[in-house]
Each structure stands twice: as C-alpha cells, then as structure tokens.
Protein backbone atom coordinates (compact mmCIF):
# COMPACT_ATOMS: atom_id res chain seq x y z
CA MET A 1 -6.97 -1.85 -26.03
CA THR A 2 -3.40 -1.48 -27.17
CA ILE A 3 -0.40 -1.45 -24.87
CA GLN A 4 -0.14 2.32 -25.41
CA THR A 5 -3.68 2.97 -24.05
CA GLN A 6 -3.95 0.25 -21.39
CA LYS A 7 -3.63 1.68 -17.86
CA GLN A 8 -1.54 0.01 -15.17
CA TRP A 9 -0.74 0.98 -11.60
CA HIS A 10 2.91 1.91 -11.05
CA VAL A 11 4.78 3.09 -7.95
CA ILE A 12 6.74 6.33 -8.00
CA TYR A 13 9.29 7.52 -5.48
CA THR A 14 8.99 11.18 -4.48
CA ARG A 15 11.36 13.69 -2.98
CA SER A 16 11.51 13.62 0.79
CA ARG A 17 8.26 14.82 2.39
CA ALA A 18 6.82 15.82 -1.01
CA GLU A 19 4.12 13.14 -1.36
CA LYS A 20 1.21 15.59 -1.03
CA LYS A 21 2.83 17.98 -3.55
CA VAL A 22 3.23 15.12 -6.02
CA LEU A 23 -0.43 14.21 -5.48
CA GLN A 24 -1.46 17.78 -6.33
CA GLU A 25 0.81 17.84 -9.41
CA LEU A 26 -0.64 14.53 -10.64
CA LEU A 27 -4.21 15.69 -10.12
CA ALA A 28 -3.46 18.97 -11.93
CA SER A 29 -2.12 16.90 -14.86
CA ASP A 30 -5.30 14.74 -14.89
CA ILE A 31 -3.34 11.60 -13.98
CA GLU A 32 -5.14 9.04 -11.84
CA CYS A 33 -3.22 8.55 -8.60
CA PHE A 34 -3.49 7.13 -5.11
CA LEU A 35 -1.63 8.32 -2.05
CA PRO A 36 -2.49 6.14 0.96
CA MET A 37 -2.84 8.43 3.99
CA GLN A 38 -3.45 7.73 7.66
CA LYS A 39 -4.21 9.91 10.66
CA GLN A 40 -1.64 9.85 13.44
CA LEU A 41 -1.63 11.59 16.79
CA ARG A 42 1.57 13.68 16.96
CA GLN A 43 2.82 15.19 20.19
CA TRP A 44 4.86 18.35 20.63
CA LYS A 45 6.04 19.90 23.88
CA ASP A 46 2.96 22.11 24.19
CA ARG A 47 0.20 20.20 22.35
CA LYS A 48 -1.07 17.07 20.61
CA LYS A 49 -2.57 17.13 17.16
CA TRP A 50 -4.00 14.66 14.64
CA VAL A 51 -2.15 14.91 11.33
CA GLU A 52 -2.55 13.08 8.04
CA THR A 53 0.65 11.37 6.95
CA PRO A 54 1.52 9.09 4.04
CA LEU A 55 1.16 5.40 4.93
CA ILE A 56 4.29 4.59 2.91
CA PRO A 57 6.63 7.61 3.08
CA GLY A 58 8.13 8.56 -0.28
CA TYR A 59 5.75 6.45 -2.37
CA CYS A 60 2.76 7.35 -4.53
CA PHE A 61 0.77 5.14 -6.92
CA VAL A 62 -0.20 6.21 -10.45
CA ASN A 63 -2.58 4.52 -12.88
CA ILE A 64 -1.13 5.43 -16.27
CA THR A 65 -0.76 4.41 -19.89
CA ARG A 66 2.61 3.99 -21.55
CA LYS A 67 2.05 7.40 -23.14
CA GLU A 68 1.77 9.07 -19.70
CA TYR A 69 4.83 7.26 -18.30
CA ASP A 70 7.38 9.95 -19.24
CA GLN A 71 4.96 12.76 -18.36
CA VAL A 72 4.95 11.59 -14.72
CA LEU A 73 8.77 11.67 -14.58
CA GLN A 74 8.73 15.31 -15.72
CA LEU A 75 6.89 16.43 -12.56
CA THR A 76 9.01 18.49 -10.16
CA ASN A 77 8.92 16.26 -7.08
CA VAL A 78 8.96 12.82 -8.75
CA VAL A 79 12.35 11.13 -8.48
CA TYR A 80 11.91 7.78 -10.28
CA TYR A 81 9.72 4.71 -10.72
CA ILE A 82 10.16 1.84 -8.29
CA THR A 83 11.47 -1.11 -10.27
CA PHE A 84 11.06 -4.84 -9.88
CA GLU A 85 13.32 -7.10 -11.94
CA ARG A 86 14.66 -4.00 -13.78
CA LYS A 87 11.19 -2.92 -14.99
CA ALA A 88 8.80 -0.40 -13.49
CA ALA A 89 6.87 -2.26 -10.78
CA ILE A 90 3.25 -2.95 -11.63
CA VAL A 91 0.74 -3.17 -8.80
CA SER A 92 -2.55 -4.94 -9.48
CA GLN A 93 -5.91 -3.22 -9.09
CA LYS A 94 -6.71 -5.85 -6.44
CA GLU A 95 -3.74 -4.73 -4.31
CA ILE A 96 -4.74 -1.06 -4.64
CA ASP A 97 -8.31 -1.97 -3.60
CA ALA A 98 -6.94 -3.96 -0.64
CA MET A 99 -4.94 -0.91 0.52
CA ARG A 100 -8.04 1.27 0.21
CA THR A 101 -10.01 -1.26 2.28
CA LEU A 102 -7.21 -1.35 4.83
CA LEU A 103 -7.30 2.43 5.19
CA GLN A 104 -11.10 2.52 5.59
CA GLN A 105 -11.05 0.40 8.74
CA PHE A 106 -10.87 2.12 12.09
CA ASP A 107 -11.01 -0.80 14.55
CA PHE A 108 -7.41 -1.94 14.15
CA GLU A 109 -4.00 -0.32 14.38
CA VAL A 110 -2.16 -0.18 11.04
CA ASP A 111 1.64 -0.34 10.86
CA VAL A 112 3.85 -0.49 7.76
CA THR A 113 7.21 -2.21 7.65
CA MET A 114 9.84 -2.89 4.99
CA GLU A 115 10.94 -6.00 6.89
CA ASN A 116 10.74 -9.25 4.93
CA PHE A 117 8.89 -11.85 6.98
CA GLU A 118 9.41 -15.56 6.71
CA PRO A 119 6.38 -17.19 5.12
CA GLY A 120 3.82 -18.16 7.77
CA LYS A 121 0.39 -19.70 7.79
CA LEU A 122 -1.94 -18.46 5.05
CA VAL A 123 -5.14 -16.94 6.43
CA GLU A 124 -8.28 -15.14 5.29
CA VAL A 125 -10.20 -12.51 7.26
CA ILE A 126 -13.71 -13.93 7.77
CA GLU A 127 -15.20 -11.22 9.98
CA GLY A 128 -14.92 -7.48 10.51
CA PRO A 129 -14.29 -4.56 8.14
CA MET A 130 -11.52 -6.33 6.18
CA VAL A 131 -13.49 -9.51 5.40
CA GLY A 132 -12.19 -11.33 2.32
CA LEU A 133 -8.57 -10.19 2.52
CA LYS A 134 -5.93 -12.94 2.44
CA GLY A 135 -2.38 -12.92 3.76
CA GLU A 136 0.17 -14.50 6.03
CA LEU A 137 -0.25 -14.82 9.78
CA ILE A 138 2.80 -13.60 11.72
CA GLU A 139 3.07 -14.27 15.46
CA SER A 140 5.00 -11.55 17.25
CA ARG A 141 5.17 -10.59 20.93
CA GLY A 142 2.19 -12.81 21.68
CA LYS A 143 -0.12 -10.98 19.24
CA ASN A 144 -1.54 -12.25 15.99
CA LYS A 145 -0.78 -9.94 13.08
CA PHE A 146 -2.21 -10.12 9.60
CA ALA A 147 0.32 -9.19 6.90
CA LEU A 148 -0.76 -7.99 3.48
CA ARG A 149 2.38 -8.18 1.37
CA ILE A 150 2.91 -6.18 -1.81
CA GLU A 151 5.93 -7.98 -3.18
CA GLN A 152 6.75 -5.55 -5.99
CA ILE A 153 7.64 -2.80 -3.53
CA ASN A 154 8.92 -5.06 -0.75
CA THR A 155 6.40 -3.75 1.79
CA SER A 156 4.15 -5.50 4.32
CA PHE A 157 1.14 -4.03 6.07
CA LEU A 158 0.61 -5.24 9.62
CA VAL A 159 -2.83 -5.03 11.18
CA GLU A 160 -3.78 -6.30 14.62
CA ILE A 161 -6.80 -8.57 14.18
CA PRO A 162 -8.45 -10.81 16.76
CA ALA A 163 -7.66 -14.47 16.05
CA ALA A 164 -11.40 -15.22 15.90
CA TYR A 165 -11.62 -13.05 12.75
CA LEU A 166 -9.16 -15.30 10.87
CA SER A 167 -9.54 -18.64 9.11
CA ALA A 168 -6.67 -20.85 7.91
CA LEU A 169 -6.35 -21.45 4.16
CA PRO A 170 -5.00 -24.60 2.50
CA GLU A 171 -1.21 -24.51 2.07
CA THR A 172 -1.45 -24.75 -1.74
CA MET A 173 -3.57 -21.59 -2.09
CA ASN A 174 -1.91 -18.48 -3.58
CA VAL A 175 -2.28 -15.36 -1.35
CA CYS A 176 -2.38 -12.91 -4.26
CA SER A 177 -5.27 -14.68 -6.01
C-alpha cells in the first residue's frame, strides 16, 4: 500500500452541536467514520428523557486516505483537523477499538474530561466487560477511576471500576502497547 491509499484515523473538529450532521455527511460521502455516542438522562421542567449525545463534543473520527483528506474539509460542518505537533493527529486502530469497547459497557459510569492528570499507577482491567484495557489509576474523592488517555487529542476517559477488577502493571510497561 502506498501512502496515498493507506487509511489512518484522524480527528476532526465540527461546528458547535453539528456532530450528527457531520456523521451523516461523511456516511453520504462513503467515508468511514466513528462518532462515539452515549445515552444520558436529561431533565426539563416537565419531563425526563434519554437522549444520545456525543461522548466528546465537537469531535468526530474519520478513517481516510491522503486522497480523502481534503474532501473531508470540504464538508459543510467540518471546521478543521485536530493537530498534534503541527500535523493532523493520528489515532491508532487500537484506541478506536478501546473507545468502542468503552461505549459497549453498561455497568460503569463514563465521564470524559480534558484535564491532564499526573501519571499514576499503571493498571490493567482483569475482569468485567472492559477486560484487557490498560491505563492509569487515578484516586479521586475516595473512588478508584480508570483513565484511558488518548494523548493526541488531550482527552482522558474516566470509568468507575471496582478495585478488584484491576491489576497493577510493572512500572516499565507502556500503556499504549
């Protein structure tokens, strides 16, 4: 495969509240994309309702070749590519799969934060629906939280997991491996 035909996952920034429109535009253009969505219970004065909202507001992931790169920017609601070290950020297939796994679980509360955490103890999930995922253990308000960090977009996913589901990894092990 040449560089022109090799697909890579990139992160695009969308116009405010236009993530679902961008998803439809990408699908209509036959571009492989991923918009992580979660269900949230929203409350109004007169009712409560479950709604699907983007997990990371303003962001959508596209799996494209170099040839499709400019085509994505031409879409109405796409603003720009998220960059890392002045190049379009590339997200590995493993990180996309980890996000999909994260969204398939229902036993734990998922929260997304842009906060940069200080490196903590490296852990691996050894039990439950997210078995095999690796990350950093953050202790906050007396609860153990498992953080899956995607460094290219400066985002961490926090999931409440019972401590019994975690196992410590050696300090020299790389989390992203």
